[in-house]
Amino acid sequence: MGIRILFLVLVILVSGSTMILADNFLIIHTDDGETRVNLAEIDRITFASMEQEERDFPLTDDMSKTMVWIPSGEFDMGSPDNEEGRANNEGPVHRVLLEYRFWMGKFEITQAQWEAVTGDNPSDFRGEDRPVETVSWDGIHSFLDNIDQDFRLPSEAEWEYACRAGTQTRFYWGDDQDLNRIRDYTWSRENSNGQTYTVGEKSPNAWGLYDMVGNVYEFCEDVHHDNFDRAPNDGSAWIEGGGNLIVLHGGSWAGEFRECRSAMRDRLETNRATRDRGFRLVRDAD
């Protein structure tokens, strides 16, 4: 905590802002107004103003994938009982510690990237820069067999951690239900006109990841369980038990705005493919 407070003080000094300590709050005064920081929550703060590291990794000889560096950290996974729109499979809330860093796709896998690897395009809504959809979890693993084996699907914990990007709110941009604001971040039923869109057209989260909610649901590696009892707390995929249902996250063009919540979970059989399901990749640290 001390290092993070020191860093915050340095940022304030460099920017010319002033600060006051009062009742465990750091009150920062800038030209734009006042910001209050709860020092008890300082370890959860993500400094979104810091530039997020990116790198392009090859998928094929002619096609690459832009990945964003995800820091290590911890968060409360799932949704509290009083969160509006929650389902019973989103609890109990449990603390997850990721003691490692990893890369995550800046965007969902596009149709052009899928076709460059597989030679075909199963998508219903055609467009080379739209997310690939109508792919199954089994089909995704066949895709992975044909590229660098450092690429993989994210665990459910990695996905939610990266989606939240340091937040614990209902949506990664806050708790509000303002549809105008939701439309700034996502393609869902309210604004999609019943189709997918080119990746990256909406605002990213604080870690520079686009379309983490909306556009298409994203497959994770985990088998679906009815709740988080006995779930791993180290960021690893939960593949024991359950059946042939796989976890998805993120909502889609066909879903209601409540499905854009960071903790929202869906499920699908391993061999089923629908036009509102796609995926993004992660990659282990070098």
Protein backbone atom coordinates (compact mmCIF):
# COMPACT_ATOMS: atom_id res chain seq x y z
CA MET A 1 0.00 0.00 0.00
CA GLY A 2 2.82 2.38 0.87
CA ILE A 3 4.35 2.12 -2.60
CA ARG A 4 1.00 2.83 -4.27
CA ILE A 5 0.37 5.87 -2.06
CA LEU A 6 3.87 7.16 -2.86
CA PHE A 7 3.17 6.68 -6.57
CA LEU A 8 -0.13 8.55 -6.27
CA VAL A 9 1.59 11.43 -4.46
CA LEU A 10 4.19 11.65 -7.23
CA VAL A 11 1.45 11.79 -9.86
CA ILE A 12 -0.24 14.59 -7.94
CA LEU A 13 2.98 16.58 -7.58
CA VAL A 14 3.87 16.24 -11.24
CA SER A 15 0.38 17.24 -12.38
CA GLY A 16 0.30 20.32 -10.14
CA SER A 17 -2.75 19.13 -8.19
CA THR A 18 -3.18 19.58 -4.44
CA MET A 19 -4.31 17.04 -1.88
CA ILE A 20 -5.76 16.94 1.64
CA LEU A 21 -5.92 13.97 4.03
CA ALA A 22 -9.19 13.74 6.01
CA ASP A 23 -10.95 10.82 7.72
CA ASN A 24 -9.06 8.16 5.76
CA PHE A 25 -9.82 9.92 2.48
CA LEU A 26 -7.32 11.50 0.13
CA ILE A 27 -9.04 14.56 -1.34
CA ILE A 28 -7.44 15.63 -4.60
CA HIS A 29 -8.14 19.10 -6.01
CA THR A 30 -7.51 19.71 -9.71
CA ASP A 31 -8.67 22.25 -12.25
CA ASP A 32 -11.53 19.89 -13.07
CA GLY A 33 -12.82 19.64 -9.52
CA GLU A 34 -12.47 17.38 -6.48
CA THR A 35 -11.76 13.64 -6.33
CA ARG A 36 -12.03 11.60 -3.10
CA VAL A 37 -9.96 8.41 -2.74
CA ASN A 38 -10.71 5.95 0.08
CA LEU A 39 -7.28 4.93 1.38
CA ALA A 40 -8.76 1.71 2.79
CA GLU A 41 -9.43 0.68 -0.82
CA ILE A 42 -6.14 1.92 -2.28
CA ASP A 43 -4.97 -1.58 -3.23
CA ARG A 44 -7.94 -1.93 -5.55
CA ILE A 45 -7.19 1.23 -7.49
CA THR A 46 -6.04 0.83 -11.04
CA PHE A 47 -4.21 3.86 -12.38
CA ALA A 48 -6.01 4.01 -15.71
CA SER A 49 -3.91 7.01 -16.79
CA MET A 50 -0.88 4.74 -17.02
CA GLU A 51 -0.31 3.57 -20.56
CA GLN A 52 -1.09 -0.12 -20.88
CA GLU A 53 1.61 -2.17 -22.60
CA GLU A 54 0.61 -3.83 -25.86
CA ARG A 55 2.36 -6.28 -28.16
CA ASP A 56 1.54 -8.02 -31.43
CA PHE A 57 2.00 -11.79 -31.52
CA PRO A 58 1.83 -13.85 -34.75
CA LEU A 59 -1.15 -16.11 -35.34
CA THR A 60 0.09 -17.12 -38.80
CA ASP A 61 2.91 -15.95 -41.05
CA ASP A 62 0.66 -13.14 -42.31
CA MET A 63 -1.66 -12.45 -39.40
CA SER A 64 -0.95 -11.14 -35.89
CA LYS A 65 -2.95 -10.56 -32.71
CA THR A 66 -2.65 -7.45 -30.51
CA MET A 67 -2.47 -8.37 -26.83
CA VAL A 68 -2.65 -6.19 -23.71
CA TRP A 69 -0.46 -6.83 -20.65
CA ILE A 70 -2.63 -7.69 -17.63
CA PRO A 71 -1.02 -7.07 -14.21
CA SER A 72 -1.13 -9.46 -11.27
CA GLY A 73 -3.55 -8.64 -8.45
CA GLU A 74 -6.64 -9.73 -6.56
CA PHE A 75 -10.36 -9.07 -6.70
CA ASP A 76 -13.74 -10.20 -5.40
CA MET A 77 -15.17 -12.58 -7.99
CA GLY A 78 -18.92 -12.90 -8.49
CA SER A 79 -21.77 -10.60 -7.51
CA PRO A 80 -23.20 -9.73 -4.09
CA ASP A 81 -26.69 -10.89 -3.19
CA ASN A 82 -28.11 -7.39 -3.58
CA GLU A 83 -26.77 -6.73 -7.08
CA GLU A 84 -29.65 -6.00 -9.42
CA GLY A 85 -30.06 -8.56 -12.19
CA ARG A 86 -27.79 -11.18 -10.61
CA ALA A 87 -28.31 -14.93 -10.89
CA ASN A 88 -27.67 -17.58 -8.25
CA ASN A 89 -24.71 -18.99 -10.19
CA GLU A 90 -22.77 -15.74 -9.58
CA GLY A 91 -22.07 -16.46 -5.93
CA PRO A 92 -20.88 -16.73 -3.33
CA VAL A 93 -18.49 -13.83 -3.81
CA HIS A 94 -14.95 -15.03 -3.15
CA ARG A 95 -11.51 -13.46 -3.15
CA VAL A 96 -9.23 -14.51 -6.03
CA LEU A 97 -5.50 -13.80 -6.07
CA LEU A 98 -3.68 -13.90 -9.40
CA GLU A 99 0.01 -13.97 -8.53
CA TYR A 100 1.00 -13.92 -12.18
CA ARG A 101 0.66 -11.61 -15.17
CA PHE A 102 -0.57 -12.52 -18.61
CA TRP A 103 -1.51 -11.16 -22.02
CA MET A 104 -5.11 -10.81 -23.16
CA GLY A 105 -6.47 -10.03 -26.61
CA LYS A 106 -7.20 -6.35 -27.05
CA PHE A 107 -10.15 -7.43 -29.20
CA GLU A 108 -12.20 -10.56 -29.74
CA ILE A 109 -10.89 -12.91 -32.42
CA THR A 110 -12.08 -11.56 -35.76
CA GLN A 111 -13.36 -13.39 -38.78
CA ALA A 112 -10.20 -12.52 -40.71
CA GLN A 113 -8.02 -14.03 -37.97
CA TRP A 114 -10.13 -17.18 -37.75
CA GLU A 115 -10.09 -17.63 -41.52
CA ALA A 116 -6.33 -17.06 -41.72
CA VAL A 117 -5.85 -20.03 -39.38
CA THR A 118 -8.63 -22.38 -40.46
CA GLY A 119 -9.32 -21.42 -44.06
CA ASP A 120 -13.06 -21.00 -43.48
CA ASN A 121 -15.50 -18.53 -41.92
CA PRO A 122 -18.55 -19.93 -40.10
CA SER A 123 -19.95 -16.53 -39.09
CA ASP A 124 -23.50 -15.46 -39.82
CA PHE A 125 -22.82 -11.71 -39.75
CA ARG A 126 -20.03 -11.38 -42.30
CA GLY A 127 -17.22 -8.83 -42.00
CA GLU A 128 -13.50 -9.50 -41.68
CA ASP A 129 -13.15 -7.16 -38.68
CA ARG A 130 -16.30 -8.34 -36.95
CA PRO A 131 -15.88 -10.97 -34.22
CA VAL A 132 -16.01 -14.54 -35.41
CA GLU A 133 -19.17 -16.27 -34.17
CA THR A 134 -21.07 -19.49 -34.68
CA VAL A 135 -18.03 -21.32 -33.31
CA SER A 136 -18.15 -23.99 -30.62
CA TRP A 137 -15.79 -24.54 -27.69
CA ASP A 138 -14.65 -27.74 -29.40
CA GLY A 139 -14.03 -25.79 -32.61
CA ILE A 140 -12.04 -23.16 -30.73
CA HIS A 141 -9.75 -25.86 -29.39
CA SER A 142 -9.18 -27.10 -32.95
CA PHE A 143 -8.27 -23.50 -33.83
CA LEU A 144 -5.83 -23.40 -30.91
CA ASP A 145 -4.20 -26.64 -32.09
CA ASN A 146 -3.13 -24.82 -35.25
CA ILE A 147 -1.43 -21.80 -33.67
CA ASP A 148 1.32 -21.09 -31.14
CA GLN A 149 0.54 -23.18 -28.06
CA ASP A 150 1.20 -20.22 -25.75
CA PHE A 151 -2.26 -18.98 -26.79
CA ARG A 152 -5.25 -20.33 -24.90
CA LEU A 153 -8.73 -19.49 -23.68
CA PRO A 154 -8.89 -17.47 -20.46
CA SER A 155 -10.01 -19.03 -17.23
CA GLU A 156 -13.26 -17.61 -15.95
CA ALA A 157 -11.39 -15.85 -13.13
CA GLU A 158 -8.89 -14.30 -15.56
CA TRP A 159 -11.75 -13.10 -17.76
CA GLU A 160 -13.68 -11.43 -14.93
CA TYR A 161 -10.50 -9.95 -13.44
CA ALA A 162 -9.51 -8.42 -16.78
CA CYS A 163 -13.05 -7.23 -17.47
CA ARG A 164 -13.34 -5.46 -14.12
CA ALA A 165 -9.92 -3.82 -14.60
CA GLY A 166 -9.64 -2.84 -10.95
CA THR A 167 -13.34 -2.17 -10.35
CA GLN A 168 -15.88 -3.95 -8.16
CA THR A 169 -18.94 -2.20 -9.56
CA ARG A 170 -21.93 -3.72 -11.36
CA PHE A 171 -20.54 -2.70 -14.74
CA TYR A 172 -16.86 -1.96 -15.31
CA TRP A 173 -17.76 1.69 -15.93
CA GLY A 174 -19.84 2.01 -12.74
CA ASP A 175 -23.08 0.99 -11.04
CA ASP A 176 -25.49 3.17 -12.98
CA GLN A 177 -28.11 1.92 -15.43
CA ASP A 178 -27.99 4.95 -17.74
CA LEU A 179 -28.65 3.41 -21.15
CA ASN A 180 -26.88 6.28 -22.89
CA ARG A 181 -23.70 5.43 -20.98
CA ILE A 182 -24.12 1.70 -21.52
CA ARG A 183 -24.31 2.35 -25.26
CA ASP A 184 -20.90 4.04 -25.06
CA TYR A 185 -19.32 0.72 -24.05
CA THR A 186 -21.34 -2.08 -25.56
CA TRP A 187 -23.41 -3.50 -28.38
CA SER A 188 -26.48 -5.10 -26.78
CA ARG A 189 -30.13 -5.54 -27.66
CA GLU A 190 -30.86 -1.86 -27.04
CA ASN A 191 -28.56 -0.58 -29.80
CA SER A 192 -27.30 -3.47 -31.96
CA ASN A 193 -30.12 -3.66 -34.52
CA GLY A 194 -29.82 -7.44 -34.22
CA GLN A 195 -26.24 -7.93 -35.41
CA THR A 196 -22.54 -7.84 -34.50
CA TYR A 197 -20.21 -4.94 -35.27
CA THR A 198 -16.57 -4.31 -36.08
CA VAL A 199 -14.46 -4.84 -32.96
CA GLY A 200 -13.15 -1.78 -31.15
CA GLU A 201 -15.91 0.69 -32.05
CA LYS A 202 -16.99 1.23 -28.43
CA SER A 203 -15.02 2.64 -25.49
CA PRO A 204 -12.53 0.25 -23.81
CA ASN A 205 -12.29 -0.58 -20.14
CA ALA A 206 -9.59 0.91 -17.93
CA TRP A 207 -7.00 -1.63 -19.11
CA GLY A 208 -7.55 -0.94 -22.80
CA LEU A 209 -9.65 -4.02 -23.60
CA TYR A 210 -12.47 -3.53 -26.11
CA ASP A 211 -15.85 -5.26 -26.32
CA MET A 212 -15.37 -7.11 -23.05
CA VAL A 213 -19.13 -6.88 -22.77
CA GLY A 214 -21.56 -6.93 -25.66
CA ASN A 215 -21.01 -7.80 -29.34
CA VAL A 216 -20.55 -11.54 -28.66
CA TYR A 217 -20.42 -13.68 -25.54
CA GLU A 218 -16.91 -15.05 -24.92
CA PHE A 219 -16.04 -18.65 -24.13
CA CYS A 220 -13.82 -19.40 -21.14
CA GLU A 221 -11.93 -22.62 -20.44
CA ASP A 222 -13.99 -23.58 -17.37
CA VAL A 223 -16.71 -26.14 -17.01
CA HIS A 224 -19.87 -24.49 -15.70
CA HIS A 225 -20.83 -25.07 -12.06
CA ASP A 226 -24.06 -23.95 -10.45
CA ASN A 227 -22.22 -21.75 -7.94
CA PHE A 228 -18.73 -20.85 -6.72
CA ASP A 229 -18.62 -23.22 -3.76
CA ARG A 230 -15.13 -24.78 -3.79
CA ALA A 231 -14.08 -22.70 -6.81
CA PRO A 232 -10.31 -22.12 -7.25
CA ASN A 233 -9.02 -18.89 -5.75
CA ASP A 234 -5.75 -18.66 -7.70
CA GLY A 235 -7.02 -17.68 -11.16
CA SER A 236 -6.85 -21.19 -12.61
CA ALA A 237 -9.61 -22.72 -14.73
CA TRP A 238 -12.16 -24.86 -12.88
CA ILE A 239 -12.36 -27.95 -15.05
CA GLU A 240 -13.19 -30.63 -12.48
CA GLY A 241 -16.78 -31.72 -11.98
CA GLY A 242 -19.72 -30.25 -13.81
CA GLY A 243 -20.79 -31.69 -17.14
CA ASN A 244 -20.42 -30.70 -20.76
CA LEU A 245 -21.47 -27.08 -20.25
CA ILE A 246 -18.82 -24.38 -20.67
CA VAL A 247 -18.83 -20.92 -19.08
CA LEU A 248 -19.24 -17.79 -21.19
CA HIS A 249 -19.05 -14.15 -20.13
CA GLY A 250 -19.73 -10.69 -21.44
CA GLY A 251 -23.21 -10.49 -22.91
CA SER A 252 -23.91 -10.04 -26.61
CA TRP A 253 -25.69 -8.06 -29.31
CA ALA A 254 -28.79 -10.17 -28.56
CA GLY A 255 -28.80 -9.76 -24.78
CA GLU A 256 -30.30 -7.27 -22.37
CA PHE A 257 -28.09 -4.60 -20.83
CA ARG A 258 -28.06 -6.47 -17.49
CA GLU A 259 -26.01 -9.16 -19.24
CA CYS A 260 -23.24 -6.58 -19.59
CA ARG A 261 -22.52 -6.82 -15.86
CA SER A 262 -18.96 -7.93 -15.07
CA ALA A 263 -20.14 -10.96 -13.06
CA MET A 264 -22.76 -12.17 -15.56
CA ARG A 265 -22.30 -15.87 -16.45
CA ASP A 266 -23.78 -17.93 -19.26
CA ARG A 267 -23.21 -21.52 -20.39
CA LEU A 268 -23.31 -23.63 -23.53
CA GLU A 269 -22.56 -27.21 -24.55
CA THR A 270 -19.03 -27.82 -25.84
CA ASN A 271 -20.21 -28.77 -29.32
CA ARG A 272 -22.82 -26.04 -29.83
CA ALA A 273 -22.25 -22.92 -31.89
CA THR A 274 -24.55 -19.90 -31.99
CA ARG A 275 -24.30 -16.56 -33.71
CA ASP A 276 -23.96 -14.59 -30.48
CA ARG A 277 -20.94 -16.53 -29.15
CA GLY A 278 -17.27 -15.91 -29.89
CA PHE A 279 -14.03 -15.68 -27.92
CA ARG A 280 -10.80 -13.85 -27.20
CA LEU A 281 -7.41 -15.31 -26.40
CA VAL A 282 -4.96 -14.99 -23.57
CA ARG A 283 -1.28 -15.80 -23.63
CA ASP A 284 1.02 -16.76 -20.80
CA ALA A 285 3.82 -14.37 -19.88
CA ASP A 286 7.11 -14.92 -21.70
